[in-house]
Amino acid sequence: MIGKPLPSAIHDPHAKTVETFDSAYAYRIILIMIGLVMIVMYIEGMLTPSLPQIQQDFNITDVSQVSLVLSAYLVTGVALSPVAGKLGDVYGKKKVLVVVLVIYTAAVTVTGFSPSFEFMVASRAVQGVGLTVFPLALSLVREEFPREMVPKAQGILSGMFGAGFAVSLPLGAFVSNTWGWRYTYHSAIPVVVILTILAIFYLRESPYRRPDAYVDYRGAGLLAASLAFFVLGLSQAPVWGWWSFGTLALFAFGAALLVPTAAVELVEHRRGKEIILNPKLLRQRNVMVSNLVIVIAGFGMFLAFQAITYRLSEPVAAGGFAQDTFHIGLSFIAFAVPMLIFAPLAGVLVPRIGTKPLTILGGIVGGIGFYAATQTPTLDDLLVAMFVIGAGIALLNSAVINLLVLTVEPREMGLATAMNATFRNMGSSVGAPLAGSIMTSYFVVVPTSVPNVPYPVPIPWPDSTAFYIAFVIAAVTTVFAGLVVLYAKEILGKRAVQEALASDERTSEPVAPQSA
């Protein structure tokens, strides 16, 4: 049962209903978006099992530096997501999506030929433009389905995040283990090209335009630069020392950039411009809550994923499970499969029971899974914990995205989903390097076999304390993310209907005549 419709939907000439929407096109667009989400998730996730191999290939001395491969991608996404979302509102979401895909295809092509670690980090940063596909895809899908069908459509799309991981981790690990990590990129190029062609010829332009909307380039650039300094500081702190001049200088630069960022944004806001962290949208309770949930959950999830990868790969003598790249990818299926199951299930359940109960349930289940990961003496125990984590994250993500897209007016959907992606990327980009810092700070030296070296080499590996800290932080943040939704206003389920009816009764009460 669906709650009270949004005021904007009542007089919106473009709003779809069950009777009037083009079902053939709606399902065609969701198929294309499924392909785009899966390939972006494949390219993002395929390198996770290969991090130790990349570290060896480029002779990187510590774990925290390797995390830049993940965080550089996310930092760029922070800057580009709100810009792409707003450009979609101005020029049309299809046009912007096509431009994004062309740039993304070029970045994916060159990254596989990276001659150095620095070049790879730089090309991965450009590749971060792919993260803008998500807000644009969510907006286009939201526009083509009637309100009653949005939760199911979003549930299917959210489930593809799990499908992307399900494909990326074992397939990426297999390709990397057989031919090398570079071929994971080479294998993705034809798929990206085909999907770009499909988007050009088979997607319609969005009917919602705001040609006079302001695009906050300066705010996005300053925020990304500030975050980049923090991420670089977290990555280098274990190498330089947490209290070294270089580390403190990076943190200081990051903090200092927040001052001009705030000043520029304040001036632009007073001029009536729509800035990157738009106060008008953030003042809406559900928008603010959705962003807080996403940033906290993204931080914990990326922190834990890097810890899990190294726990799977490190030698048994160091407390790990000595899995090769391919088997690390297979292990992550334990996380991906429940996402495929529970994300679409959440899309079915959320209209009946509401977004808040499912978000809370997802946070609690995910937190239990992360804490269970601290008590995993065997590989099977860790796989069970990963399955529970996947189920919780699927429920939380699917529920909270519906809370957002069913609250915001369609004409502001590009900005709202892009701002949500910005918060997600901010959390993720900090979580990955923090995991690297924790694992570099707590380590044990174990003689390890190295290719082309006839004798074991003493190598520092993260110890049990590092993994315990990482998983506990992830557990606490995930549960907290789920509980934040208590502050939101329910929009679906029986409770939303009761609140809407109560509101109608209050507004229809007769007004007592006033005496002269």
Protein backbone atom coordinates (compact mmCIF):
# COMPACT_ATOMS: atom_id res chain seq x y z
CA MET A 1 0.00 0.00 0.00
CA ILE A 2 1.49 3.36 -1.03
CA GLY A 3 1.44 6.46 1.08
CA LYS A 4 0.09 9.87 0.23
CA PRO A 5 1.36 11.04 -3.19
CA LEU A 6 3.80 13.87 -3.47
CA PRO A 7 2.24 17.25 -4.26
CA SER A 8 4.43 17.56 -7.35
CA ALA A 9 3.07 14.30 -8.71
CA ILE A 10 -0.53 15.50 -8.62
CA HIS A 11 -0.12 18.19 -11.31
CA ASP A 12 2.92 16.78 -13.09
CA PRO A 13 2.02 16.28 -16.78
CA HIS A 14 4.98 13.92 -17.23
CA ALA A 15 4.22 11.71 -14.23
CA LYS A 16 3.61 8.09 -15.20
CA THR A 17 0.65 6.07 -13.97
CA VAL A 18 -0.05 2.35 -14.16
CA GLU A 19 -2.49 3.03 -17.01
CA THR A 20 -0.39 5.47 -19.05
CA PHE A 21 3.26 4.49 -18.72
CA ASP A 22 5.06 2.90 -21.68
CA SER A 23 5.81 -0.51 -20.20
CA ALA A 24 7.86 -1.71 -23.19
CA TYR A 25 10.18 1.29 -23.03
CA ALA A 26 10.28 1.31 -19.22
CA TYR A 27 11.53 -2.27 -19.12
CA ARG A 28 13.91 -1.61 -22.00
CA ILE A 29 15.49 1.29 -20.14
CA ILE A 30 15.84 -0.74 -16.95
CA LEU A 31 17.59 -3.52 -18.91
CA ILE A 32 20.11 -1.02 -20.28
CA MET A 33 20.58 0.46 -16.80
CA ILE A 34 21.08 -3.03 -15.36
CA GLY A 35 23.87 -3.57 -17.89
CA LEU A 36 25.48 -0.22 -17.04
CA VAL A 37 25.33 -0.80 -13.29
CA MET A 38 26.73 -4.30 -13.66
CA ILE A 39 29.67 -3.26 -15.85
CA VAL A 40 30.57 -0.32 -13.63
CA MET A 41 30.39 -2.57 -10.57
CA TYR A 42 32.41 -5.21 -12.41
CA ILE A 43 35.15 -2.73 -13.24
CA GLU A 44 35.07 -1.31 -9.72
CA GLY A 45 35.08 -4.69 -7.98
CA MET A 46 37.31 -6.75 -10.29
CA LEU A 47 40.50 -5.27 -8.84
CA THR A 48 39.65 -5.99 -5.19
CA PRO A 49 41.01 -9.56 -5.20
CA SER A 50 44.05 -8.34 -7.21
CA LEU A 51 45.27 -5.71 -4.74
CA PRO A 52 48.09 -7.93 -3.40
CA GLN A 53 49.13 -8.74 -6.99
CA ILE A 54 49.10 -5.05 -7.99
CA GLN A 55 51.18 -4.30 -4.90
CA GLN A 56 53.80 -6.82 -6.01
CA ASP A 57 53.78 -5.82 -9.70
CA PHE A 58 54.51 -2.16 -8.94
CA ASN A 59 56.81 -2.92 -5.98
CA ILE A 60 54.61 -1.03 -3.52
CA THR A 61 55.96 -1.45 -0.01
CA ASP A 62 52.81 -1.15 2.07
CA VAL A 63 49.09 -1.86 2.00
CA SER A 64 47.97 1.71 2.60
CA GLN A 65 49.48 2.98 -0.68
CA VAL A 66 47.68 0.29 -2.67
CA SER A 67 44.38 1.55 -1.28
CA LEU A 68 44.87 4.65 -3.47
CA VAL A 69 43.79 2.46 -6.40
CA LEU A 70 40.35 2.36 -4.78
CA SER A 71 40.20 5.76 -3.13
CA ALA A 72 41.38 7.82 -6.14
CA TYR A 73 38.43 6.44 -8.10
CA LEU A 74 36.05 7.46 -5.31
CA VAL A 75 37.50 10.93 -4.70
CA THR A 76 36.84 11.84 -8.34
CA GLY A 77 33.33 10.47 -8.00
CA VAL A 78 32.76 12.89 -5.11
CA ALA A 79 33.55 15.86 -7.34
CA LEU A 80 31.82 14.66 -10.50
CA SER A 81 28.58 13.14 -9.18
CA PRO A 82 26.87 16.42 -8.20
CA VAL A 83 28.15 18.14 -11.34
CA ALA A 84 26.86 15.36 -13.60
CA GLY A 85 23.54 15.24 -11.77
CA LYS A 86 23.01 18.98 -12.15
CA LEU A 87 24.13 18.93 -15.79
CA GLY A 88 21.55 16.18 -16.32
CA ASP A 89 18.86 18.49 -14.94
CA VAL A 90 20.07 21.31 -17.21
CA TYR A 91 20.86 19.63 -20.53
CA GLY A 92 19.07 16.30 -20.25
CA LYS A 93 20.07 13.15 -18.41
CA LYS A 94 20.56 11.08 -21.57
CA LYS A 95 23.00 13.59 -23.10
CA VAL A 96 25.07 13.73 -19.93
CA LEU A 97 24.99 9.94 -19.53
CA VAL A 98 26.33 9.44 -23.06
CA VAL A 99 29.19 11.93 -22.48
CA VAL A 100 30.02 10.18 -19.20
CA LEU A 101 30.11 6.79 -20.92
CA VAL A 102 32.44 8.01 -23.67
CA ILE A 103 34.92 9.41 -21.11
CA TYR A 104 34.56 6.28 -19.00
CA THR A 105 35.28 4.02 -21.98
CA ALA A 106 38.47 5.94 -22.74
CA ALA A 107 39.64 5.75 -19.10
CA VAL A 108 38.92 2.02 -18.86
CA THR A 109 40.89 1.45 -22.07
CA VAL A 110 44.09 3.18 -20.92
CA THR A 111 44.11 1.93 -17.31
CA GLY A 112 44.85 -1.62 -18.42
CA PHE A 113 48.06 -0.38 -20.04
CA SER A 114 49.31 1.53 -16.98
CA PRO A 115 53.16 1.64 -17.12
CA SER A 116 53.50 2.75 -13.49
CA PHE A 117 51.56 2.85 -10.25
CA GLU A 118 51.28 6.65 -10.47
CA PHE A 119 49.79 6.42 -13.97
CA MET A 120 47.32 3.79 -12.77
CA VAL A 121 46.16 5.96 -9.85
CA ALA A 122 45.73 8.93 -12.22
CA SER A 123 43.78 6.93 -14.81
CA ARG A 124 41.65 5.40 -12.04
CA ALA A 125 40.87 8.95 -10.94
CA VAL A 126 39.57 9.78 -14.43
CA GLN A 127 37.71 6.48 -14.40
CA GLY A 128 35.80 7.76 -11.35
CA VAL A 129 33.47 9.48 -13.81
CA GLY A 130 31.77 6.08 -14.04
CA LEU A 131 30.27 6.60 -10.59
CA THR A 132 28.06 9.33 -12.04
CA VAL A 133 26.21 6.61 -13.97
CA PHE A 134 24.36 5.64 -10.78
CA PRO A 135 22.53 8.92 -10.03
CA LEU A 136 21.68 9.40 -13.70
CA ALA A 137 20.39 5.82 -13.97
CA LEU A 138 18.31 6.11 -10.80
CA SER A 139 16.77 9.35 -12.07
CA LEU A 140 15.89 7.97 -15.51
CA VAL A 141 14.33 4.83 -14.04
CA ARG A 142 12.34 6.87 -11.51
CA GLU A 143 10.89 9.01 -14.33
CA GLU A 144 9.68 6.10 -16.45
CA PHE A 145 7.82 4.07 -13.81
CA PRO A 146 4.64 5.00 -11.96
CA ARG A 147 5.05 5.68 -8.26
CA GLU A 148 3.45 2.35 -7.34
CA MET A 149 6.10 0.42 -9.28
CA VAL A 150 9.18 2.44 -8.32
CA PRO A 151 10.16 0.29 -5.28
CA LYS A 152 10.23 -2.88 -7.39
CA ALA A 153 12.21 -1.18 -10.17
CA GLN A 154 14.67 0.30 -7.71
CA GLY A 155 14.90 -3.05 -5.93
CA ILE A 156 15.88 -4.75 -9.19
CA LEU A 157 18.43 -2.04 -9.92
CA SER A 158 19.84 -2.26 -6.38
CA GLY A 159 20.08 -6.02 -6.78
CA MET A 160 22.36 -5.47 -9.74
CA PHE A 161 24.94 -4.03 -7.37
CA GLY A 162 25.11 -7.55 -5.97
CA ALA A 163 25.10 -9.02 -9.47
CA GLY A 164 27.98 -6.76 -10.40
CA PHE A 165 29.97 -8.03 -7.43
CA ALA A 166 28.91 -11.60 -8.21
CA VAL A 167 30.37 -11.23 -11.70
CA SER A 168 33.34 -9.00 -10.89
CA LEU A 169 34.94 -10.84 -8.02
CA PRO A 170 35.19 -14.42 -9.32
CA LEU A 171 35.45 -13.47 -13.01
CA GLY A 172 37.93 -10.69 -12.31
CA ALA A 173 39.90 -13.02 -10.05
CA PHE A 174 39.90 -15.77 -12.69
CA VAL A 175 41.09 -13.43 -15.44
CA SER A 176 43.69 -11.89 -13.15
CA ASN A 177 44.93 -15.24 -11.89
CA THR A 178 45.15 -16.67 -15.44
CA TRP A 179 46.40 -13.77 -17.56
CA GLY A 180 47.12 -10.95 -15.09
CA TRP A 181 45.08 -8.09 -13.65
CA ARG A 182 45.56 -5.96 -16.80
CA TYR A 183 43.35 -8.31 -18.79
CA THR A 184 40.44 -7.62 -16.46
CA TYR A 185 40.39 -4.18 -18.07
CA HIS A 186 40.92 -5.46 -21.59
CA SER A 187 37.96 -7.84 -21.23
CA ALA A 188 35.65 -5.04 -20.11
CA ILE A 189 36.25 -2.68 -23.04
CA PRO A 190 33.88 -4.34 -25.59
CA VAL A 191 31.04 -4.46 -23.04
CA VAL A 192 31.38 -0.76 -22.20
CA VAL A 193 31.43 0.14 -25.89
CA ILE A 194 28.28 -1.90 -26.63
CA LEU A 195 26.37 -0.38 -23.68
CA THR A 196 27.39 3.11 -24.76
CA ILE A 197 25.99 2.45 -28.25
CA LEU A 198 22.75 1.10 -26.76
CA ALA A 199 22.40 4.19 -24.58
CA ILE A 200 22.87 6.47 -27.60
CA PHE A 201 20.29 4.78 -29.81
CA TYR A 202 17.73 3.31 -27.43
CA LEU A 203 17.31 5.79 -24.57
CA ARG A 204 14.94 8.74 -24.76
CA GLU A 205 15.79 12.12 -23.36
CA SER A 206 14.35 13.01 -19.97
CA PRO A 207 11.27 15.30 -20.13
CA TYR A 208 12.43 17.13 -16.99
CA ARG A 209 14.73 20.05 -17.72
CA ARG A 210 15.96 23.04 -15.72
CA PRO A 211 17.95 25.04 -18.29
CA ASP A 212 18.61 27.94 -15.92
CA ALA A 213 19.92 25.80 -13.04
CA TYR A 214 23.31 26.70 -11.60
CA VAL A 215 26.16 24.16 -11.84
CA ASP A 216 28.45 24.42 -8.82
CA TYR A 217 31.83 23.58 -10.37
CA ARG A 218 33.87 25.47 -7.79
CA GLY A 219 32.15 23.87 -4.83
CA ALA A 220 32.58 20.39 -6.27
CA GLY A 221 36.25 20.97 -7.06
CA LEU A 222 37.09 22.42 -3.65
CA LEU A 223 35.28 19.62 -1.82
CA ALA A 224 37.08 16.96 -3.87
CA ALA A 225 40.47 18.63 -3.30
CA SER A 226 39.86 18.74 0.45
CA LEU A 227 38.85 15.10 0.53
CA ALA A 228 41.87 14.15 -1.62
CA PHE A 229 44.27 15.60 0.97
CA PHE A 230 42.55 13.68 3.78
CA VAL A 231 42.64 10.43 1.78
CA LEU A 232 46.32 10.91 0.88
CA GLY A 233 47.10 11.63 4.53
CA LEU A 234 45.37 8.45 5.67
CA SER A 235 47.26 6.47 3.02
CA GLN A 236 50.70 7.88 3.87
CA ALA A 237 50.40 8.13 7.67
CA PRO A 238 51.61 4.56 8.37
CA VAL A 239 54.64 5.18 6.11
CA TRP A 240 55.59 8.70 7.25
CA GLY A 241 54.27 8.36 10.81
CA TRP A 242 50.96 9.65 12.17
CA TRP A 243 52.66 12.64 13.83
CA SER A 244 55.16 13.39 11.07
CA PHE A 245 55.28 16.79 9.41
CA GLY A 246 54.14 15.39 6.04
CA THR A 247 51.10 13.62 7.47
CA LEU A 248 50.01 16.59 9.58
CA ALA A 249 50.55 18.91 6.62
CA LEU A 250 48.23 16.83 4.41
CA PHE A 251 45.52 16.81 7.07
CA ALA A 252 46.04 20.54 7.61
CA PHE A 253 45.70 21.28 3.88
CA GLY A 254 42.51 19.20 3.75
CA ALA A 255 41.04 21.02 6.73
CA ALA A 256 42.18 24.42 5.44
CA LEU A 257 40.42 23.87 2.11
CA LEU A 258 37.14 23.44 3.95
CA VAL A 259 37.26 27.14 4.85
CA PRO A 260 37.21 28.52 1.27
CA THR A 261 34.79 25.73 0.35
CA ALA A 262 32.35 26.89 3.02
CA ALA A 263 32.91 30.56 2.14
CA VAL A 264 32.32 30.04 -1.59
CA GLU A 265 29.25 27.91 -0.95
CA LEU A 266 27.81 30.44 1.51
CA VAL A 267 28.24 33.33 -0.94
CA GLU A 268 26.69 31.36 -3.80
CA HIS A 269 23.80 30.26 -1.60
CA ARG A 270 23.07 33.87 -0.59
CA ARG A 271 22.99 34.77 -4.28
CA GLY A 272 20.25 32.20 -4.71
CA LYS A 273 22.43 29.58 -6.41
CA GLU A 274 21.92 25.85 -5.91
CA ILE A 275 25.19 24.71 -4.39
CA ILE A 276 26.68 21.21 -4.27
CA LEU A 277 25.32 20.43 -0.80
CA ASN A 278 22.02 22.12 -1.47
CA PRO A 279 20.45 23.43 1.77
CA LYS A 280 17.00 23.42 0.18
CA LEU A 281 17.20 19.67 -0.37
CA LEU A 282 19.13 18.91 2.81
CA ARG A 283 16.46 20.70 4.85
CA GLN A 284 14.07 18.00 3.70
CA ARG A 285 14.27 15.49 6.51
CA ASN A 286 14.24 12.38 4.32
CA VAL A 287 16.95 13.71 2.00
CA MET A 288 19.25 14.52 4.90
CA VAL A 289 18.61 11.14 6.54
CA SER A 290 19.19 9.24 3.28
CA ASN A 291 22.54 10.97 2.78
CA LEU A 292 23.66 10.34 6.36
CA VAL A 293 22.73 6.65 6.14
CA ILE A 294 24.63 6.26 2.87
CA VAL A 295 27.82 8.04 3.96
CA ILE A 296 28.06 6.07 7.22
CA ALA A 297 27.25 2.71 5.63
CA GLY A 298 29.62 3.31 2.69
CA PHE A 299 32.45 4.14 5.08
CA GLY A 300 32.03 0.93 7.07
CA MET A 301 31.51 -1.30 4.05
CA PHE A 302 34.63 -0.21 2.14
CA LEU A 303 36.72 -0.32 5.29
CA ALA A 304 35.67 -3.92 5.94
CA PHE A 305 35.98 -5.10 2.31
CA GLN A 306 39.66 -4.24 2.09
CA ALA A 307 40.25 -5.95 5.44
CA ILE A 308 38.42 -9.08 4.23
CA THR A 309 40.51 -9.17 1.04
CA TYR A 310 43.77 -9.20 2.98
CA ARG A 311 42.47 -11.65 5.58
CA LEU A 312 41.71 -14.07 2.74
CA SER A 313 45.08 -13.63 1.04
CA GLU A 314 47.58 -13.52 3.87
CA PRO A 315 49.51 -16.63 5.01
CA VAL A 316 48.08 -19.03 7.56
CA ALA A 317 51.02 -18.22 9.85
CA ALA A 318 49.80 -14.62 10.01
CA GLY A 319 46.21 -15.65 10.77
CA GLY A 320 44.88 -15.61 7.21
CA PHE A 321 43.56 -18.25 4.83
CA ALA A 322 46.27 -18.20 2.10
CA GLN A 323 43.78 -17.89 -0.78
CA ASP A 324 45.03 -17.05 -4.27
CA THR A 325 43.47 -14.31 -6.35
CA PHE A 326 40.88 -16.56 -7.98
CA HIS A 327 39.70 -18.10 -4.71
CA ILE A 328 39.48 -14.65 -3.10
CA GLY A 329 37.04 -13.74 -5.87
CA LEU A 330 35.06 -16.94 -5.32
CA SER A 331 34.87 -16.17 -1.61
CA PHE A 332 33.20 -12.83 -2.30
CA ILE A 333 30.28 -14.67 -3.93
CA ALA A 334 29.19 -15.27 -0.34
CA PHE A 335 28.59 -11.52 -0.17
CA ALA A 336 27.19 -11.06 -3.67
CA VAL A 337 24.55 -13.82 -3.69
CA PRO A 338 22.49 -12.45 -0.77
CA MET A 339 22.51 -9.04 -2.44
CA LEU A 340 20.95 -10.63 -5.52
CA ILE A 341 18.30 -12.22 -3.32
CA PHE A 342 17.50 -9.58 -0.73
CA ALA A 343 17.66 -6.36 -2.79
CA PRO A 344 14.74 -7.36 -5.09
CA LEU A 345 12.95 -8.84 -2.06
CA ALA A 346 13.27 -5.48 -0.33
CA GLY A 347 11.69 -3.85 -3.38
CA VAL A 348 8.66 -6.10 -2.90
CA LEU A 349 8.46 -5.68 0.88
CA VAL A 350 9.12 -1.95 1.21
CA PRO A 351 5.68 -0.82 -0.13
CA ARG A 352 4.01 -3.06 2.46
CA ILE A 353 6.04 -2.42 5.59
CA GLY A 354 7.78 0.86 4.80
CA THR A 355 11.33 2.09 4.25
CA LYS A 356 12.23 2.69 7.91
CA PRO A 357 11.76 -0.86 9.27
CA LEU A 358 13.75 -2.38 6.40
CA THR A 359 16.57 0.15 6.74
CA ILE A 360 16.83 -0.53 10.47
CA LEU A 361 16.68 -4.28 9.90
CA GLY A 362 19.39 -4.02 7.22
CA GLY A 363 21.67 -2.03 9.53
CA ILE A 364 21.27 -4.49 12.38
CA VAL A 365 21.77 -7.57 10.17
CA GLY A 366 24.82 -6.00 8.51
CA GLY A 367 26.26 -5.05 11.90
CA ILE A 368 25.81 -8.61 13.16
CA GLY A 369 27.61 -9.89 10.07
CA PHE A 370 30.56 -7.53 10.50
CA TYR A 371 30.91 -8.41 14.18
CA ALA A 372 30.65 -12.10 13.33
CA ALA A 373 33.66 -11.55 11.05
CA THR A 374 35.73 -10.88 14.18
CA GLN A 375 34.96 -14.42 15.38
CA THR A 376 36.01 -16.44 12.32
CA PRO A 377 38.75 -19.00 13.03
CA THR A 378 37.95 -20.86 9.78
CA LEU A 379 37.28 -19.82 6.20
CA ASP A 380 33.75 -21.24 6.36
CA ASP A 381 32.99 -19.04 9.36
CA LEU A 382 34.12 -15.97 7.43
CA LEU A 383 32.00 -16.93 4.42
CA VAL A 384 28.91 -17.22 6.63
CA ALA A 385 29.66 -13.77 8.07
CA MET A 386 30.01 -12.36 4.55
CA PHE A 387 26.62 -13.81 3.58
CA VAL A 388 24.99 -12.07 6.54
CA ILE A 389 26.77 -8.82 5.66
CA GLY A 390 25.50 -9.01 2.07
CA ALA A 391 21.92 -9.55 3.21
CA GLY A 392 22.04 -6.59 5.57
CA ILE A 393 23.65 -4.20 3.08
CA ALA A 394 21.11 -5.20 0.40
CA LEU A 395 18.13 -4.46 2.67
CA LEU A 396 19.59 -1.16 3.86
CA ASN A 397 20.57 0.17 0.42
CA SER A 398 17.35 -0.81 -1.32
CA ALA A 399 15.15 0.69 1.40
CA VAL A 400 17.00 3.96 1.81
CA ILE A 401 17.20 4.71 -1.93
CA ASN A 402 13.41 4.42 -2.11
CA LEU A 403 13.16 6.81 0.83
CA LEU A 404 15.07 9.34 -1.26
CA VAL A 405 13.61 8.97 -4.76
CA LEU A 406 9.99 8.88 -3.56
CA THR A 407 10.50 12.06 -1.51
CA VAL A 408 12.17 14.36 -4.02
CA GLU A 409 10.36 16.14 -6.85
CA PRO A 410 11.17 14.68 -10.29
CA ARG A 411 12.65 17.94 -11.59
CA GLU A 412 15.24 17.86 -8.76
CA MET A 413 15.90 14.13 -9.02
CA GLY A 414 19.24 14.50 -10.82
CA LEU A 415 20.62 16.82 -8.14
CA ALA A 416 19.21 14.74 -5.27
CA THR A 417 20.54 11.39 -6.47
CA ALA A 418 23.88 12.97 -7.39
CA MET A 419 24.19 14.53 -3.95
CA ASN A 420 23.39 11.12 -2.45
CA ALA A 421 26.13 9.56 -4.59
CA THR A 422 28.50 12.27 -3.36
CA PHE A 423 27.84 11.29 0.25
CA ARG A 424 28.26 7.61 -0.60
CA ASN A 425 31.61 8.27 -2.29
CA MET A 426 32.81 10.46 0.57
CA GLY A 427 32.25 7.64 3.03
CA SER A 428 33.76 5.01 0.76
CA SER A 429 36.83 7.08 -0.13
CA VAL A 430 37.70 7.52 3.54
CA GLY A 431 36.92 3.92 4.52
CA ALA A 432 39.38 2.28 2.11
CA PRO A 433 42.52 4.22 3.12
CA LEU A 434 41.59 4.01 6.80
CA ALA A 435 41.50 0.22 6.45
CA GLY A 436 44.96 0.36 4.87
CA SER A 437 46.22 2.52 7.71
CA ILE A 438 44.85 0.16 10.37
CA MET A 439 46.33 -2.90 8.68
CA THR A 440 49.71 -1.21 8.30
CA SER A 441 49.75 -0.07 11.92
CA TYR A 442 49.11 -3.55 13.37
CA PHE A 443 51.17 -6.22 11.66
CA VAL A 444 53.22 -9.37 12.10
CA VAL A 445 56.28 -10.28 10.00
CA VAL A 446 56.00 -13.70 8.36
CA PRO A 447 58.47 -15.39 5.92
CA THR A 448 56.56 -15.53 2.63
CA SER A 449 57.26 -17.11 -0.74
CA VAL A 450 57.78 -14.48 -3.44
CA PRO A 451 57.86 -15.15 -7.22
CA ASN A 452 61.40 -15.42 -8.68
CA VAL A 453 62.96 -15.48 -5.20
CA PRO A 454 64.39 -18.90 -4.15
CA TYR A 455 63.94 -18.32 -0.41
CA PRO A 456 61.11 -17.02 1.82
CA VAL A 457 61.14 -13.25 2.30
CA PRO A 458 60.05 -11.69 5.64
CA ILE A 459 56.96 -9.61 4.82
CA PRO A 460 54.74 -7.63 7.23
CA TRP A 461 51.13 -8.83 7.17
CA PRO A 462 48.13 -7.37 9.04
CA ASP A 463 47.60 -9.22 12.33
CA SER A 464 44.41 -10.25 14.11
CA THR A 465 44.20 -6.93 15.97
CA ALA A 466 44.02 -5.00 12.70
CA PHE A 467 41.15 -7.13 11.40
CA TYR A 468 39.31 -6.99 14.72
CA ILE A 469 39.46 -3.18 14.79
CA ALA A 470 38.35 -2.88 11.15
CA PHE A 471 35.38 -5.24 11.57
CA VAL A 472 34.24 -3.70 14.86
CA ILE A 473 34.29 -0.21 13.32
CA ALA A 474 32.28 -1.53 10.36
CA ALA A 475 29.77 -3.22 12.69
CA VAL A 476 29.20 -0.13 14.81
CA THR A 477 28.88 2.24 11.84
CA THR A 478 26.46 -0.05 9.97
CA VAL A 479 24.12 -0.42 12.94
CA PHE A 480 24.28 3.32 13.55
CA ALA A 481 23.51 3.98 9.87
CA GLY A 482 20.37 1.88 10.15
CA LEU A 483 19.22 3.66 13.30
CA VAL A 484 19.66 7.12 11.77
CA VAL A 485 16.55 6.44 9.67
CA LEU A 486 14.41 6.72 12.83
CA TYR A 487 14.54 10.48 12.26
CA ALA A 488 13.01 10.12 8.78
CA LYS A 489 9.35 10.51 7.87
CA GLU A 490 7.86 7.29 6.53
CA ILE A 491 6.55 7.46 2.96
CA LEU A 492 5.50 3.86 2.32
CA GLY A 493 3.64 1.11 4.14
CA LYS A 494 0.68 1.17 6.51
CA ARG A 495 2.21 3.74 8.84
CA ALA A 496 2.62 6.24 5.97
CA VAL A 497 -1.04 5.76 5.00
CA GLN A 498 -2.17 6.30 8.59
CA GLU A 499 -0.13 9.48 8.85
CA ALA A 500 -1.55 10.73 5.53
CA LEU A 501 -5.12 10.03 6.63
CA ALA A 502 -4.53 11.75 9.95
CA SER A 503 -3.13 14.75 8.11
CA ASP A 504 -6.20 14.86 5.84
CA GLU A 505 -8.51 14.74 8.86
CA ARG A 506 -6.69 17.62 10.53
CA THR A 507 -6.84 19.81 7.42
CA SER A 508 -10.55 19.03 6.85
CA GLU A 509 -11.70 19.93 10.39
CA PRO A 510 -14.24 22.79 10.33
CA VAL A 511 -12.96 26.10 11.58
CA ALA A 512 -14.91 27.60 14.45
CA PRO A 513 -16.48 30.98 13.56
CA GLN A 514 -14.76 33.93 15.16
CA SER A 515 -16.81 36.45 17.10
CA ALA A 516 -16.95 39.95 15.81
